[in-house]
Protein backbone atom coordinates (compact mmCIF):
# COMPACT_ATOMS: atom_id res chain seq x y z
CA MET A 1 -11.29 -61.45 7.83
CA THR A 2 -8.21 -59.34 7.21
CA ARG A 3 -5.36 -59.55 9.64
CA ILE A 4 -3.68 -56.22 10.41
CA THR A 5 -0.14 -56.31 11.68
CA LYS A 6 1.09 -53.97 14.37
CA ARG A 7 3.36 -52.24 11.81
CA THR A 8 0.48 -51.62 9.39
CA PHE A 9 -1.71 -50.32 12.20
CA LEU A 10 0.97 -47.88 13.38
CA LYS A 11 1.63 -46.59 9.85
CA THR A 12 -2.07 -46.04 9.22
CA THR A 13 -2.81 -44.31 12.52
CA ALA A 14 0.32 -42.14 12.34
CA GLY A 15 -0.62 -40.98 8.83
CA THR A 16 -4.18 -40.25 9.90
CA ALA A 17 -3.03 -38.31 12.96
CA LEU A 18 -0.64 -36.26 10.83
CA ALA A 19 -3.36 -35.47 8.29
CA LEU A 20 -5.76 -34.43 11.01
CA ALA A 21 -3.18 -32.23 12.72
CA TRP A 22 -2.28 -30.58 9.41
CA GLY A 23 -5.95 -29.93 8.65
CA GLN A 24 -6.50 -28.34 12.05
CA THR A 25 -3.46 -26.10 11.65
CA ALA A 26 -4.47 -24.98 8.17
CA GLN A 27 -7.99 -24.21 9.31
CA ALA A 28 -6.81 -22.29 12.39
CA THR A 29 -4.78 -19.88 10.26
CA ALA A 30 -7.44 -19.47 7.54
CA ASN A 31 -9.89 -17.41 9.62
CA GLN A 32 -9.10 -14.08 11.22
CA ALA A 33 -11.33 -11.77 13.26
CA VAL A 34 -11.70 -8.01 13.33
CA THR A 35 -14.02 -6.56 15.94
CA ILE A 36 -15.57 -3.14 15.76
CA LYS A 37 -15.77 -1.56 19.19
CA GLY A 38 -15.27 1.89 20.62
CA PHE A 39 -15.61 3.29 17.09
CA ALA A 40 -12.43 1.49 16.00
CA PHE A 41 -11.39 -1.63 14.09
CA VAL A 42 -9.50 -4.03 16.37
CA PRO A 43 -6.84 -4.83 15.34
CA ALA A 44 -6.18 -1.75 13.22
CA THR A 45 -3.68 -3.70 11.08
CA ILE A 46 -3.94 -7.39 10.34
CA ASP A 47 -1.60 -9.65 8.34
CA ILE A 48 -3.15 -12.61 6.54
CA LYS A 49 -2.38 -14.97 3.67
CA ALA A 50 -4.13 -15.07 0.31
CA GLY A 51 -7.19 -17.29 0.67
CA ASP A 52 -7.79 -16.37 4.32
CA THR A 53 -11.15 -15.15 5.51
CA VAL A 54 -11.64 -12.13 7.78
CA THR A 55 -14.81 -11.91 9.84
CA PHE A 56 -15.84 -8.40 10.89
CA THR A 57 -18.13 -8.24 13.96
CA ASN A 58 -19.76 -5.05 15.20
CA LEU A 59 -19.86 -4.80 19.00
CA ASP A 60 -20.86 -1.10 19.03
CA GLY A 61 -24.40 0.22 19.34
CA ALA A 62 -23.95 2.29 16.16
CA PRO A 63 -23.99 0.75 12.67
CA HIS A 64 -20.66 0.39 10.84
CA THR A 65 -19.17 -0.87 7.60
CA ALA A 66 -15.77 -2.15 6.55
CA THR A 67 -15.32 -0.60 3.10
CA ALA A 68 -12.12 -0.73 1.03
CA ASP A 69 -10.65 2.61 0.01
CA ASP A 70 -10.36 1.25 -3.55
CA GLY A 71 -13.90 -0.19 -3.53
CA SER A 72 -12.71 -3.81 -3.76
CA PHE A 73 -14.83 -4.90 -0.76
CA ASP A 74 -17.66 -3.70 1.44
CA THR A 75 -19.38 -5.53 4.27
CA ALA A 76 -22.55 -3.43 3.88
CA THR A 77 -24.12 -2.10 7.07
CA LEU A 78 -23.34 -4.12 10.20
CA ARG A 79 -25.66 -3.43 13.09
CA ARG A 80 -24.77 -4.36 16.69
CA GLY A 81 -23.94 -8.05 17.02
CA LYS A 82 -23.87 -8.67 13.26
CA SER A 83 -20.93 -10.06 11.30
CA ALA A 84 -19.73 -10.31 7.73
CA ALA A 85 -17.00 -12.61 6.41
CA LEU A 86 -14.79 -11.69 3.45
CA THR A 87 -12.19 -13.90 1.77
CA PHE A 88 -9.07 -12.23 0.39
CA SER A 89 -7.76 -14.12 -2.63
CA LYS A 90 -4.97 -11.85 -3.86
CA ALA A 91 -1.93 -10.32 -2.23
CA GLY A 92 -1.77 -6.64 -1.48
CA GLU A 93 -2.38 -4.00 1.14
CA PHE A 94 -6.01 -3.00 1.56
CA SER A 95 -6.88 0.14 3.49
CA TYR A 96 -10.48 0.39 4.61
CA PHE A 97 -12.83 2.64 6.57
CA CYS A 98 -16.38 2.90 7.92
CA LYS A 99 -18.80 4.72 5.59
CA PHE A 100 -20.66 6.16 8.58
CA HIS A 101 -17.57 7.24 10.55
CA LYS A 102 -14.82 8.29 8.13
CA ASN A 103 -12.26 8.58 10.94
CA MET A 104 -12.44 4.81 11.51
CA LYS A 105 -9.60 3.37 9.40
CA ALA A 106 -7.62 0.14 9.27
CA VAL A 107 -5.43 -2.00 7.00
CA ILE A 108 -5.40 -5.64 5.88
CA ARG A 109 -2.07 -6.87 4.49
CA VAL A 110 -2.37 -10.01 2.38
CA SER A 111 0.74 -12.02 1.46
């Protein structure tokens, strides 16, 4: 049987707690949400980091899309209550719109 000293126990548990806290922080900032309601993207502008994922959720009765102006992404049609998640791997500013409602516009800024 191995004997663990108080010092070894404290070092091990402190390191584990730090690793867990870091993992939770990293995960909390890696996922962002954009809701579609009232024929608008909310928020209209979102700032994220490269590698983050944005989940688009349609809360309207009408179908919507989130489609990049430059064609770099498209959620396809999202009906009420449906979601699509997209990961942004490179930095830049991405303007997007709804294919069904061209007046619905928003921006994702990736650093």
